[in-house]
């Protein structure tokens, strides 16, 4: 069973998060976590970190990860570095991560919207979760992306019965 955990950089699971993000997202582009941190100084420390974990005989194992960066206006958040262990992609782990981040962003932090820079081949994943496309295609780290977003759910108004 997969559980989602909101962790800090001091959590023992953080090193596994970094290993997974490096293996799935950074290394294929020729980057290390140090390169990522140099490109966006201070961002890693400002992000909220979410991991998907499973129980393993050796302890908890990180099988998915994502980060949430709250913009300076404190009304929007950017979801970044979403990844799932390659052997488990398509099993619903990414969706669980996104649900947890949306719950945190909209329910606990009161954000008005969330956005991400989605690689073109990941757009259908976000589309299935109700996200919309905004703007034109652009290059980031040498890969084509589109900005995608989702707005906070509208409050349900009480009706007289």
Protein backbone atom coordinates (compact mmCIF):
# COMPACT_ATOMS: atom_id res chain seq x y z
CA UNK A 1 0.00 0.00 0.00
CA UNK A 2 1.27 3.47 -0.91
CA UNK A 3 1.07 6.31 1.60
CA UNK A 4 1.79 9.99 0.99
CA UNK A 5 3.91 11.81 3.54
CA UNK A 6 4.65 15.55 3.81
CA UNK A 7 8.30 15.72 4.91
CA UNK A 8 11.00 18.26 5.69
CA UNK A 9 14.55 18.24 4.36
CA UNK A 10 15.61 16.92 7.78
CA UNK A 11 13.47 13.79 7.41
CA UNK A 12 15.44 10.56 6.89
CA UNK A 13 13.30 9.96 3.76
CA UNK A 14 14.63 13.15 2.13
CA UNK A 15 17.78 11.40 0.86
CA UNK A 16 15.58 8.80 -0.86
CA UNK A 17 13.47 11.62 -2.35
CA UNK A 18 16.62 13.19 -3.80
CA UNK A 19 17.81 9.83 -5.15
CA UNK A 20 14.48 9.24 -6.90
CA UNK A 21 14.24 12.77 -8.32
CA UNK A 22 17.82 12.46 -9.56
CA UNK A 23 17.26 9.04 -11.19
CA UNK A 24 13.94 9.88 -12.85
CA UNK A 25 14.20 13.59 -13.66
CA UNK A 26 17.70 15.00 -13.39
CA UNK A 27 20.22 12.34 -14.48
CA UNK A 28 18.49 11.71 -17.86
CA UNK A 29 19.17 15.41 -18.60
CA UNK A 30 22.75 15.23 -17.37
CA UNK A 31 21.98 17.15 -14.14
CA UNK A 32 22.71 16.46 -10.50
CA UNK A 33 20.75 17.78 -7.52
CA UNK A 34 23.59 20.27 -7.03
CA UNK A 35 23.05 21.56 -10.58
CA UNK A 36 19.33 21.91 -9.87
CA UNK A 37 20.04 23.84 -6.66
CA UNK A 38 22.51 26.12 -8.47
CA UNK A 39 19.96 26.91 -11.19
CA UNK A 40 17.38 27.97 -8.58
CA UNK A 41 19.28 28.98 -5.42
CA UNK A 42 17.25 28.62 -2.22
CA UNK A 43 14.24 27.07 -3.94
CA UNK A 44 14.79 23.55 -2.57
CA UNK A 45 14.73 24.91 0.99
CA UNK A 46 11.56 26.95 0.34
CA UNK A 47 9.65 24.01 -1.15
CA UNK A 48 7.31 21.70 0.71
CA UNK A 49 8.28 18.10 0.02
CA UNK A 50 5.86 15.21 -0.54
CA UNK A 51 6.84 11.58 -0.91
CA UNK A 52 4.94 8.43 -1.76
CA UNK A 53 6.17 5.55 0.37
CA UNK A 54 5.70 1.82 0.59
CA UNK A 55 6.72 -0.58 3.31
CA UNK A 56 9.81 -2.60 2.52
CA UNK A 57 11.61 -5.21 4.66
CA UNK A 58 14.43 -2.67 5.12
CA UNK A 59 12.00 0.12 6.11
CA UNK A 60 9.98 2.76 4.29
CA UNK A 61 10.85 3.14 0.62
CA UNK A 62 10.20 6.31 -1.40
CA UNK A 63 8.53 5.43 -4.72
CA UNK A 64 7.25 8.89 -5.69
CA UNK A 65 8.01 12.52 -4.96
CA UNK A 66 6.91 16.07 -5.70
CA UNK A 67 7.54 19.54 -4.35
CA UNK A 68 5.29 22.55 -3.80
CA UNK A 69 6.73 26.05 -4.01
CA UNK A 70 4.54 28.88 -2.72
CA UNK A 71 4.92 31.99 -4.89
CA UNK A 72 5.85 35.29 -3.29
CA UNK A 73 2.25 36.53 -3.54
CA UNK A 74 1.29 33.59 -1.29
CA UNK A 75 -1.88 32.97 -3.32
CA UNK A 76 -0.47 30.55 -5.88
CA UNK A 77 1.79 27.54 -5.76
CA UNK A 78 4.00 25.80 -8.29
CA UNK A 79 4.20 22.02 -8.30
CA UNK A 80 7.64 20.84 -9.36
CA UNK A 81 9.77 17.74 -9.68
CA UNK A 82 6.85 15.27 -9.83
CA UNK A 83 8.21 11.78 -10.34
CA UNK A 84 7.42 8.13 -9.72
CA UNK A 85 9.75 5.13 -9.73
CA UNK A 86 9.92 4.02 -13.38
CA UNK A 87 8.74 0.48 -12.54
CA UNK A 88 5.61 1.86 -10.82
CA UNK A 89 4.57 4.58 -13.26
CA UNK A 90 0.92 4.31 -14.29
CA UNK A 91 -0.12 2.71 -10.99
CA UNK A 92 -1.83 5.77 -9.49
CA UNK A 93 1.04 6.97 -7.28
CA UNK A 94 1.38 10.28 -9.14
CA UNK A 95 -2.34 10.89 -8.75
CA UNK A 96 -2.11 10.28 -4.99
CA UNK A 97 0.77 12.77 -4.75
CA UNK A 98 -1.21 15.39 -6.66
CA UNK A 99 -4.31 14.89 -4.51
CA UNK A 100 -2.22 15.37 -1.37
CA UNK A 101 -0.59 18.53 -2.75
CA UNK A 102 -3.93 19.96 -3.90
CA UNK A 103 -5.40 19.24 -0.43
CA UNK A 104 -2.46 21.01 1.18
CA UNK A 105 -2.52 23.96 -1.24
CA UNK A 106 -6.23 24.57 -1.39
CA UNK A 107 -7.47 23.14 1.91
CA UNK A 108 -4.71 24.02 4.36
CA UNK A 109 -2.92 26.98 2.77
CA UNK A 110 -5.93 28.59 1.06
CA UNK A 111 -4.17 29.07 -2.29
CA UNK A 112 -6.27 30.32 -5.19
CA UNK A 113 -4.51 28.18 -7.81
CA UNK A 114 -1.69 25.77 -8.50
CA UNK A 115 0.39 25.55 -11.66
CA UNK A 116 3.21 23.51 -13.12
CA UNK A 117 5.46 23.40 -16.16
CA UNK A 118 4.42 20.09 -17.70
CA UNK A 119 6.55 18.22 -20.19
CA UNK A 120 4.45 17.61 -23.29
CA UNK A 121 4.33 13.86 -22.69
CA UNK A 122 3.03 14.45 -19.14
CA UNK A 123 0.19 16.78 -20.11
CA UNK A 124 -2.39 14.00 -20.32
CA UNK A 125 -1.60 13.05 -16.69
CA UNK A 126 -2.51 16.55 -15.49
CA UNK A 127 -5.45 16.78 -17.91
CA UNK A 128 -7.02 13.66 -16.34
CA UNK A 129 -6.76 15.38 -12.96
CA UNK A 130 -8.74 18.40 -14.18
CA UNK A 131 -5.83 20.72 -14.95
CA UNK A 132 -5.99 23.20 -17.88
CA UNK A 133 -3.36 24.37 -20.37
CA UNK A 134 -2.30 28.00 -20.45
CA UNK A 135 0.02 29.82 -22.85
CA UNK A 136 2.37 28.60 -25.51
CA UNK A 137 4.91 25.80 -25.61
CA UNK A 138 8.33 26.74 -24.20
CA UNK A 139 11.68 25.11 -23.57
CA UNK A 140 12.92 24.31 -20.07
CA UNK A 141 16.10 22.29 -19.53
CA UNK A 142 16.05 21.58 -23.26
CA UNK A 143 12.60 19.93 -23.13
CA UNK A 144 9.30 21.26 -24.51
CA UNK A 145 6.80 22.22 -21.79
CA UNK A 146 3.42 23.89 -21.40
CA UNK A 147 2.15 25.71 -18.34
CA UNK A 148 -0.83 23.95 -16.75
CA UNK A 149 -2.95 25.11 -13.84
CA UNK A 150 -5.90 24.29 -11.63
CA UNK A 151 -7.97 26.75 -9.63
CA UNK A 152 -9.18 26.20 -6.11
CA UNK A 153 -12.56 24.49 -5.96
CA UNK A 154 -15.47 26.87 -5.49
CA UNK A 155 -17.08 26.59 -2.05
CA UNK A 156 -20.37 24.74 -2.07
CA UNK A 157 -23.16 27.05 -0.98
CA UNK A 158 -25.61 25.73 1.55
CA UNK A 159 -29.20 25.48 0.32
CA UNK A 160 -32.35 25.65 2.34
CA UNK A 161 -34.06 22.28 2.53
